[in-house]
Amino acid sequence: MSPEPAPLAPDAGETAPAEPNPIDAPGTTEHEWRAWDGLPALPVLDTTAWRSVVVVAAHPDDEVLGAGGLMSLLAARGVRLRLVAVTDGEASHPAVPPGEIAARRIAESAAALRHIGACETVRLGLPDSGVRDEELRRLLPDLVAGFDACLAPWEKDVHPDHEAVGRAALACGGQVWRFPIWTWHWARPGDPRLPWDRAVRVPLSPEARERKEAAIGCFASQLEGPEPILPPGVVDHFARPWEVLFR
């Protein structure tokens, strides 16, 4: 399927209209993704050689949504896990004082990790919705060094913080696998904008799926309210029997 055409250039003196953010679009349902045979056909990622894995998350809940099932599988094997939490998610609710929402989201992340399994956490406290590449690229290498693999958000996920974190993780070198998050909302099955030739899937055991579901349920600040940040239709994307990573 071809991408949407670019808008016409404005006349001289006019202001170009802002590009709509794909995240704000109605989105692709999980039913559509499940009906596509491309996901179960992806090769399975072999993680048996991994003894230590670092997960870099732009916001509290990214790690669970994108890779919570894999983290649970690794924790059950005794693999050393480190979470690098880049921001505390304080910008998710503009009407709530930043310190209050940050404290709540940090607590939610800690509760979620108790379902996932043993995982050490390093919090960087960078500004939510304002992650800068240069600052993260200065801080991240020492925190990633020595781990067998790094998991991070996909650098083309359309959320600027996710993309900055993905780019910084790639810049560290080594074995970096990126997990899409908002991509499942704005992309379409077989979408040529996604690197399917570099995609793999991680089958999840019933136990890992159960632990991931319980972990997602800890993020009440994102799930509740009249206009939740993670409505049921979005959460459905993360209840699959597998997760998908890009290399």
C-alpha atoms as a PDB file:
ATOM      1  CA  MET A   1       0.000   0.000   0.000  1.00  0.00           C
ATOM      2  CA  SER A   2       1.404   3.401  -0.959  1.00  0.00           C
ATOM      3  CA  PRO A   3       1.930   6.040   1.711  1.00  0.00           C
ATOM      4  CA  GLU A   4      -0.417   8.999   1.722  1.00  0.00           C
ATOM      5  CA  PRO A   5       0.570  11.776  -0.697  1.00  0.00           C
ATOM      6  CA  ALA A   6       2.369  14.816   0.649  1.00  0.00           C
ATOM      7  CA  PRO A   7       0.240  17.987   1.008  1.00  0.00           C
ATOM      8  CA  LEU A   8       0.490  20.623  -1.695  1.00  0.00           C
ATOM      9  CA  ALA A   9       3.104  23.318  -1.092  1.00  0.00           C
ATOM     10  CA  PRO A  10       1.568  26.578   0.200  1.00  0.00           C
ATOM     11  CA  ASP A  11       1.627  29.787  -1.831  1.00  0.00           C
ATOM     12  CA  ALA A  12       4.318  32.318  -0.998  1.00  0.00           C
ATOM     13  CA  GLY A  13       3.579  34.079   2.257  1.00  0.00           C
ATOM     14  CA  GLU A  14       1.278  31.316   3.538  1.00  0.00           C
ATOM     15  CA  THR A  15       2.010  29.119   6.537  1.00  0.00           C
ATOM     16  CA  ALA A  16       2.277  25.435   5.728  1.00  0.00           C
ATOM     17  CA  PRO A  17      -0.428  23.370   7.434  1.00  0.00           C
ATOM     18  CA  ALA A  18       0.787  21.117  10.211  1.00  0.00           C
ATOM     19  CA  GLU A  19       1.106  17.476   9.262  1.00  0.00           C
ATOM     20  CA  PRO A  20      -1.459  15.366  11.136  1.00  0.00           C
ATOM     21  CA  ASN A  21       0.105  13.014  13.659  1.00  0.00           C
ATOM     22  CA  PRO A  22      -0.688   9.387  12.711  1.00  0.00           C
ATOM     23  CA  ILE A  23      -1.129   8.630  16.414  1.00  0.00           C
ATOM     24  CA  ASP A  24      -4.270  10.790  16.356  1.00  0.00           C
ATOM     25  CA  ALA A  25      -5.818   8.828  13.482  1.00  0.00           C
ATOM     26  CA  PRO A  26      -8.549   6.225  14.117  1.00  0.00           C
ATOM     27  CA  GLY A  27      -5.940   3.509  13.820  1.00  0.00           C
ATOM     28  CA  THR A  28      -5.761  -0.144  12.821  1.00  0.00           C
ATOM     29  CA  THR A  29      -7.709  -2.589  14.962  1.00  0.00           C
ATOM     30  CA  GLU A  30      -6.128  -5.662  16.481  1.00  0.00           C
ATOM     31  CA  HIS A  31      -8.686  -7.731  14.567  1.00  0.00           C
ATOM     32  CA  GLU A  32      -7.077  -6.495  11.341  1.00  0.00           C
ATOM     33  CA  TRP A  33      -3.594  -7.409  12.588  1.00  0.00           C
ATOM     34  CA  ARG A  34      -4.747 -10.864  13.720  1.00  0.00           C
ATOM     35  CA  ALA A  35      -6.347 -11.505  10.323  1.00  0.00           C
ATOM     36  CA  TRP A  36      -3.004 -10.894   8.558  1.00  0.00           C
ATOM     37  CA  ASP A  37      -0.833 -13.970   8.167  1.00  0.00           C
ATOM     38  CA  GLY A  38       2.390 -11.944   8.058  1.00  0.00           C
ATOM     39  CA  LEU A  39       3.018 -11.834  11.820  1.00  0.00           C
ATOM     40  CA  PRO A  40       2.923 -15.577  12.563  1.00  0.00           C
ATOM     41  CA  ALA A  41       5.151 -16.125   9.527  1.00  0.00           C
ATOM     42  CA  LEU A  42       8.000 -14.036  10.976  1.00  0.00           C
ATOM     43  CA  PRO A  43      11.095 -15.977  12.067  1.00  0.00           C
ATOM     44  CA  VAL A  44      11.406 -16.740  15.759  1.00  0.00           C
ATOM     45  CA  LEU A  45      14.141 -14.928  17.694  1.00  0.00           C
ATOM     46  CA  ASP A  46      16.550 -17.245  19.499  1.00  0.00           C
ATOM     47  CA  THR A  47      17.447 -15.711  22.865  1.00  0.00           C
ATOM     48  CA  THR A  48      18.962 -18.795  24.468  1.00  0.00           C
ATOM     49  CA  ALA A  49      22.481 -17.319  24.398  1.00  0.00           C
ATOM     50  CA  TRP A  50      21.455 -14.169  26.252  1.00  0.00           C
ATOM     51  CA  ARG A  51      22.679 -13.971  29.846  1.00  0.00           C
ATOM     52  CA  SER A  52      22.078 -10.248  30.374  1.00  0.00           C
ATOM     53  CA  VAL A  53      19.671  -7.821  28.701  1.00  0.00           C
ATOM     54  CA  VAL A  54      19.144  -4.084  29.133  1.00  0.00           C
ATOM     55  CA  VAL A  55      15.763  -2.571  28.271  1.00  0.00           C
ATOM     56  CA  VAL A  56      15.572   1.154  27.552  1.00  0.00           C
ATOM     57  CA  ALA A  57      12.143   2.746  27.954  1.00  0.00           C
ATOM     58  CA  ALA A  58      11.173   6.288  27.070  1.00  0.00           C
ATOM     59  CA  HIS A  59       8.233   6.298  29.523  1.00  0.00           C
ATOM     60  CA  PRO A  60       6.944   4.089  32.328  1.00  0.00           C
ATOM     61  CA  ASP A  61       4.940   1.304  30.619  1.00  0.00           C
ATOM     62  CA  ASP A  62       6.898   1.254  27.312  1.00  0.00           C
ATOM     63  CA  GLU A  63       9.006  -1.665  28.504  1.00  0.00           C
ATOM     64  CA  VAL A  64       5.958  -3.745  29.447  1.00  0.00           C
ATOM     65  CA  LEU A  65       3.885  -2.933  26.374  1.00  0.00           C
ATOM     66  CA  GLY A  66       6.696  -3.538  23.914  1.00  0.00           C
ATOM     67  CA  ALA A  67       8.711  -6.319  25.527  1.00  0.00           C
ATOM     68  CA  GLY A  68       7.046  -7.338  28.799  1.00  0.00           C
ATOM     69  CA  GLY A  69       6.448 -10.884  27.645  1.00  0.00           C
ATOM     70  CA  LEU A  70      10.050 -11.374  26.556  1.00  0.00           C
ATOM     71  CA  MET A  71      11.278  -9.794  29.790  1.00  0.00           C
ATOM     72  CA  SER A  72       9.154 -12.262  31.732  1.00  0.00           C
ATOM     73  CA  LEU A  73      10.572 -15.201  29.794  1.00  0.00           C
ATOM     74  CA  LEU A  74      14.115 -13.968  30.386  1.00  0.00           C
ATOM     75  CA  ALA A  75      13.527 -13.332  34.089  1.00  0.00           C
ATOM     76  CA  ALA A  76      12.169 -16.863  34.489  1.00  0.00           C
ATOM     77  CA  ARG A  77      15.443 -18.173  33.002  1.00  0.00           C
ATOM     78  CA  GLY A  78      17.496 -16.154  35.456  1.00  0.00           C
ATOM     79  CA  VAL A  79      18.785 -13.706  32.846  1.00  0.00           C
ATOM     80  CA  ARG A  80      20.057 -10.457  34.342  1.00  0.00           C
ATOM     81  CA  LEU A  81      17.667  -7.629  33.414  1.00  0.00           C
ATOM     82  CA  ARG A  82      18.256  -3.906  33.688  1.00  0.00           C
ATOM     83  CA  LEU A  83      15.609  -1.275  32.917  1.00  0.00           C
ATOM     84  CA  VAL A  84      16.872   2.173  31.954  1.00  0.00           C
ATOM     85  CA  ALA A  85      13.875   4.457  32.501  1.00  0.00           C
ATOM     86  CA  VAL A  86      14.599   7.592  30.486  1.00  0.00           C
ATOM     87  CA  THR A  87      11.699   9.777  31.713  1.00  0.00           C
ATOM     88  CA  ASP A  88       9.193   9.487  34.548  1.00  0.00           C
ATOM     89  CA  GLY A  89       6.222  10.213  32.277  1.00  0.00           C
ATOM     90  CA  GLU A  90       5.339  13.469  34.002  1.00  0.00           C
ATOM     91  CA  ALA A  91       3.833  15.062  30.868  1.00  0.00           C
ATOM     92  CA  SER A  92       1.116  12.470  30.295  1.00  0.00           C
ATOM     93  CA  HIS A  93      -1.550  14.424  32.221  1.00  0.00           C
ATOM     94  CA  PRO A  94      -1.129  18.198  31.713  1.00  0.00           C
ATOM     95  CA  ALA A  95      -3.823  18.992  34.289  1.00  0.00           C
ATOM     96  CA  VAL A  96      -1.968  17.120  37.053  1.00  0.00           C
ATOM     97  CA  PRO A  97       1.158  18.551  38.741  1.00  0.00           C
ATOM     98  CA  PRO A  98       4.200  16.916  37.084  1.00  0.00           C
ATOM     99  CA  GLY A  99       5.662  15.668  40.363  1.00  0.00           C
ATOM    100  CA  GLU A 100       2.407  13.994  41.302  1.00  0.00           C
ATOM    101  CA  ILE A 101       1.918  12.131  38.044  1.00  0.00           C
ATOM    102  CA  ALA A 102       5.618  11.195  37.895  1.00  0.00           C
ATOM    103  CA  ALA A 103       5.460   9.637  41.368  1.00  0.00           C
ATOM    104  CA  ARG A 104       2.359   7.703  40.388  1.00  0.00           C
ATOM    105  CA  ARG A 105       3.844   6.404  37.172  1.00  0.00           C
ATOM    106  CA  ILE A 106       7.107   5.378  38.857  1.00  0.00           C
ATOM    107  CA  ALA A 107       5.067   3.392  41.394  1.00  0.00           C
ATOM    108  CA  GLU A 108       3.046   1.787  38.606  1.00  0.00           C
ATOM    109  CA  SER A 109       6.214   0.739  36.799  1.00  0.00           C
ATOM    110  CA  ALA A 110       7.634  -0.794  39.988  1.00  0.00           C
ATOM    111  CA  ALA A 111       4.410  -2.730  40.565  1.00  0.00           C
ATOM    112  CA  ALA A 112       4.417  -3.942  36.954  1.00  0.00           C
ATOM    113  CA  LEU A 113       7.988  -5.212  37.217  1.00  0.00           C
ATOM    114  CA  ARG A 114       7.035  -7.299  40.236  1.00  0.00           C
ATOM    115  CA  HIS A 115       4.800  -9.280  37.869  1.00  0.00           C
ATOM    116  CA  ILE A 116       7.480  -9.468  35.166  1.00  0.00           C
ATOM    117  CA  GLY A 117      10.304 -10.735  37.390  1.00  0.00           C
ATOM    118  CA  ALA A 118      13.625  -9.617  38.821  1.00  0.00           C
ATOM    119  CA  CYS A 119      14.841  -6.436  37.120  1.00  0.00           C
ATOM    120  CA  GLU A 120      17.139  -3.683  38.320  1.00  0.00           C
ATOM    121  CA  THR A 121      16.074  -0.136  37.438  1.00  0.00           C
ATOM    122  CA  VAL A 122      18.086   2.960  36.592  1.00  0.00           C
ATOM    123  CA  ARG A 123      16.045   6.167  36.310  1.00  0.00           C
ATOM    124  CA  LEU A 124      17.513   9.036  34.272  1.00  0.00           C
ATOM    125  CA  GLY A 125      14.781  11.615  34.968  1.00  0.00           C
ATOM    126  CA  LEU A 126      15.007  13.305  31.574  1.00  0.00           C
ATOM    127  CA  PRO A 127      12.080  15.551  30.610  1.00  0.00           C
ATOM    128  CA  ASP A 128       9.034  13.745  29.278  1.00  0.00           C
ATOM    129  CA  SER A 129       8.231  14.857  25.701  1.00  0.00           C
ATOM    130  CA  GLY A 130      11.602  16.594  25.585  1.00  0.00           C
ATOM    131  CA  VAL A 131      14.200  13.840  25.323  1.00  0.00           C
ATOM    132  CA  ARG A 132      17.267  15.195  23.536  1.00  0.00           C
ATOM    133  CA  ASP A 133      19.418  12.896  21.448  1.00  0.00           C
ATOM    134  CA  GLU A 134      22.736  14.388  22.495  1.00  0.00           C
ATOM    135  CA  GLU A 135      22.036  14.116  26.227  1.00  0.00           C
ATOM    136  CA  LEU A 136      20.808  10.550  25.988  1.00  0.00           C
ATOM    137  CA  ARG A 137      23.719   9.513  23.788  1.00  0.00           C
ATOM    138  CA  ARG A 138      26.045  10.821  26.496  1.00  0.00           C
ATOM    139  CA  LEU A 139      24.322   8.926  29.313  1.00  0.00           C
ATOM    140  CA  LEU A 140      23.290   5.657  27.706  1.00  0.00           C
ATOM    141  CA  PRO A 141      26.511   3.929  26.547  1.00  0.00           C
ATOM    142  CA  ASP A 142      27.843   3.243  30.044  1.00  0.00           C
ATOM    143  CA  LEU A 143      24.461   1.827  31.104  1.00  0.00           C
ATOM    144  CA  VAL A 144      24.251  -0.515  28.099  1.00  0.00           C
ATOM    145  CA  ALA A 145      27.891  -1.635  28.006  1.00  0.00           C
ATOM    146  CA  GLY A 146      28.513  -5.272  28.827  1.00  0.00           C
ATOM    147  CA  PHE A 147      24.982  -6.551  28.211  1.00  0.00           C
ATOM    148  CA  ASP A 148      24.390  -9.272  25.627  1.00  0.00           C
ATOM    149  CA  ALA A 149      21.439  -7.450  24.061  1.00  0.00           C
ATOM    150  CA  CYS A 150      19.575  -4.171  24.266  1.00  0.00           C
ATOM    151  CA  LEU A 151      15.820  -3.718  23.767  1.00  0.00           C
ATOM    152  CA  ALA A 152      14.526  -0.224  22.966  1.00  0.00           C
ATOM    153  CA  PRO A 153      11.602   1.495  21.225  1.00  0.00           C
ATOM    154  CA  TRP A 154      11.637   1.508  17.425  1.00  0.00           C
ATOM    155  CA  GLU A 155      13.257   4.698  16.157  1.00  0.00           C
ATOM    156  CA  LYS A 156      10.385   5.330  13.687  1.00  0.00           C
ATOM    157  CA  ASP A 157       7.501   4.787  16.103  1.00  0.00           C
ATOM    158  CA  VAL A 158       6.241   8.375  15.440  1.00  0.00           C
ATOM    159  CA  HIS A 159       6.429   9.380  19.124  1.00  0.00           C
ATOM    160  CA  PRO A 160       9.443  11.743  19.405  1.00  0.00           C
ATOM    161  CA  ASP A 161      10.639  10.349  22.731  1.00  0.00           C
ATOM    162  CA  HIS A 162      10.418   6.776  21.459  1.00  0.00           C
ATOM    163  CA  GLU A 163      12.375   7.737  18.366  1.00  0.00           C
ATOM    164  CA  ALA A 164      15.098   9.565  20.306  1.00  0.00           C
ATOM    165  CA  VAL A 165      15.546   6.585  22.622  1.00  0.00           C
ATOM    166  CA  GLY A 166      15.686   4.181  19.692  1.00  0.00           C
ATOM    167  CA  ARG A 167      18.328   6.240  17.923  1.00  0.00           C
ATOM    168  CA  ALA A 168      20.412   6.533  21.071  1.00  0.00           C
ATOM    169  CA  ALA A 169      20.247   2.799  21.686  1.00  0.00           C
ATOM    170  CA  LEU A 170      21.377   2.068  18.132  1.00  0.00           C
ATOM    171  CA  ALA A 171      24.279   4.486  18.552  1.00  0.00           C
ATOM    172  CA  CYS A 172      25.554   2.355  21.450  1.00  0.00           C
ATOM    173  CA  GLY A 173      26.283  -0.476  19.038  1.00  0.00           C
ATOM    174  CA  GLY A 174      26.051  -4.152  19.849  1.00  0.00           C
ATOM    175  CA  GLN A 175      22.942  -6.288  19.509  1.00  0.00           C
ATOM    176  CA  VAL A 176      20.007  -3.851  19.593  1.00  0.00           C
ATOM    177  CA  TRP A 177      16.423  -4.986  19.065  1.00  0.00           C
ATOM    178  CA  ARG A 178      13.662  -2.405  18.805  1.00  0.00           C
ATOM    179  CA  PHE A 179      10.031  -2.869  19.797  1.00  0.00           C
ATOM    180  CA  PRO A 180       7.211  -0.947  18.091  1.00  0.00           C
ATOM    181  CA  ILE A 181       4.491   0.547  20.288  1.00  0.00           C
ATOM    182  CA  TRP A 182       2.356   3.212  18.605  1.00  0.00           C
ATOM    183  CA  THR A 183       3.260   1.610  15.271  1.00  0.00           C
ATOM    184  CA  TRP A 184       0.528  -0.981  15.795  1.00  0.00           C
ATOM    185  CA  HIS A 185      -1.987   1.865  15.913  1.00  0.00           C
ATOM    186  CA  TRP A 186      -0.993   3.895  12.843  1.00  0.00           C
ATOM    187  CA  ALA A 187       0.543   1.221  10.587  1.00  0.00           C
ATOM    188  CA  ARG A 188      -1.334  -1.357   8.529  1.00  0.00           C
ATOM    189  CA  PRO A 189      -0.753  -5.068   7.875  1.00  0.00           C
ATOM    190  CA  GLY A 190       2.004  -5.395   5.297  1.00  0.00           C
ATOM    191  CA  ASP A 191       2.764  -1.672   5.575  1.00  0.00           C
ATOM    192  CA  PRO A 192       5.835  -0.921   3.409  1.00  0.00           C
ATOM    193  CA  ARG A 193       6.991   1.700   5.925  1.00  0.00           C
ATOM    194  CA  LEU A 194       7.933  -1.070   8.373  1.00  0.00           C
ATOM    195  CA  PRO A 195      11.137  -3.169   8.078  1.00  0.00           C
ATOM    196  CA  TRP A 196       9.444  -6.557   7.842  1.00  0.00           C
ATOM    197  CA  ASP A 197      12.625  -8.051   6.386  1.00  0.00           C
ATOM    198  CA  ARG A 198      14.331  -7.325   9.734  1.00  0.00           C
ATOM    199  CA  ALA A 199      11.418  -8.356  11.945  1.00  0.00           C
ATOM    200  CA  VAL A 200      11.252 -11.355  14.265  1.00  0.00           C
ATOM    201  CA  ARG A 201       8.677 -12.628  16.699  1.00  0.00           C
ATOM    202  CA  VAL A 202       9.001 -13.906  20.246  1.00  0.00           C
ATOM    203  CA  PRO A 203       6.367 -16.546  21.073  1.00  0.00           C
ATOM    204  CA  LEU A 204       5.007 -16.096  24.593  1.00  0.00           C
ATOM    205  CA  SER A 205       4.047 -18.913  26.908  1.00  0.00           C
ATOM    206  CA  PRO A 206       0.633 -18.731  28.599  1.00  0.00           C
ATOM    207  CA  GLU A 207       2.439 -17.861  31.840  1.00  0.00           C
ATOM    208  CA  ALA A 208       4.376 -15.010  30.217  1.00  0.00           C
ATOM    209  CA  ARG A 209       1.204 -13.636  28.642  1.00  0.00           C
ATOM    210  CA  GLU A 210      -0.551 -13.785  31.999  1.00  0.00           C
ATOM    211  CA  ARG A 211       2.289 -11.962  33.738  1.00  0.00           C
ATOM    212  CA  LYS A 212       2.408  -9.330  30.990  1.00  0.00           C
ATOM    213  CA  GLU A 213      -1.354  -8.778  31.214  1.00  0.00           C
ATOM    214  CA  ALA A 214      -1.097  -8.330  34.984  1.00  0.00           C
ATOM    215  CA  ALA A 215       1.806  -5.900  34.511  1.00  0.00           C
ATOM    216  CA  ILE A 216      -0.136  -3.806  31.980  1.00  0.00           C
ATOM    217  CA  GLY A 217      -3.014  -3.639  34.446  1.00  0.00           C
ATOM    218  CA  CYS A 218      -0.734  -1.826  36.918  1.00  0.00           C
ATOM    219  CA  PHE A 219      -0.687   1.318  34.748  1.00  0.00           C
ATOM    220  CA  ALA A 220      -4.026   2.670  35.933  1.00  0.00           C
ATOM    221  CA  SER A 221      -3.030   6.274  35.158  1.00  0.00           C
ATOM    222  CA  GLN A 222      -2.866   5.349  31.470  1.00  0.00           C
ATOM    223  CA  LEU A 223      -5.827   2.975  31.368  1.00  0.00           C
ATOM    224  CA  GLU A 224      -8.510   4.839  33.291  1.00  0.00           C
ATOM    225  CA  GLY A 225     -10.508   8.030  32.856  1.00  0.00           C
ATOM    226  CA  PRO A 226     -13.001   9.294  30.259  1.00  0.00           C
ATOM    227  CA  GLU A 227     -10.247   9.577  27.607  1.00  0.00           C
ATOM    228  CA  PRO A 228      -7.551   7.057  28.572  1.00  0.00           C
ATOM    229  CA  ILE A 229      -4.130   7.356  26.978  1.00  0.00           C
ATOM    230  CA  LEU A 230      -4.214   3.597  26.403  1.00  0.00           C
ATOM    231  CA  PRO A 231      -7.799   2.758  25.440  1.00  0.00           C
ATOM    232  CA  PRO A 232      -8.826  -0.903  25.161  1.00  0.00           C
ATOM    233  CA  GLY A 233      -8.344  -0.926  21.385  1.00  0.00           C
ATOM    234  CA  VAL A 234      -4.683   0.048  21.813  1.00  0.00           C
ATOM    235  CA  VAL A 235      -4.051  -2.334  24.704  1.00  0.00           C
ATOM    236  CA  ASP A 236      -5.407  -5.179  22.555  1.00  0.00           C
ATOM    237  CA  HIS A 237      -2.272  -4.923  20.398  1.00  0.00           C
ATOM    238  CA  PHE A 238      -0.163  -6.071  23.332  1.00  0.00           C
ATOM    239  CA  ALA A 239      -2.207  -9.131  24.296  1.00  0.00           C
ATOM    240  CA  ARG A 240      -0.972 -11.256  21.394  1.00  0.00           C
ATOM    241  CA  PRO A 241       0.655 -14.666  21.842  1.00  0.00           C
ATOM    242  CA  TRP A 242       3.901 -13.136  20.579  1.00  0.00           C
ATOM    243  CA  GLU A 243       5.873  -9.896  20.493  1.00  0.00           C
ATOM    244  CA  VAL A 244       7.584  -8.414  17.472  1.00  0.00           C
ATOM    245  CA  LEU A 245      11.054  -6.870  17.368  1.00  0.00           C
ATOM    246  CA  PHE A 246      13.019  -5.167  14.595  1.00  0.00           C
ATOM    247  CA  ARG A 247      16.781  -5.615  14.191  1.00  0.00           C
END
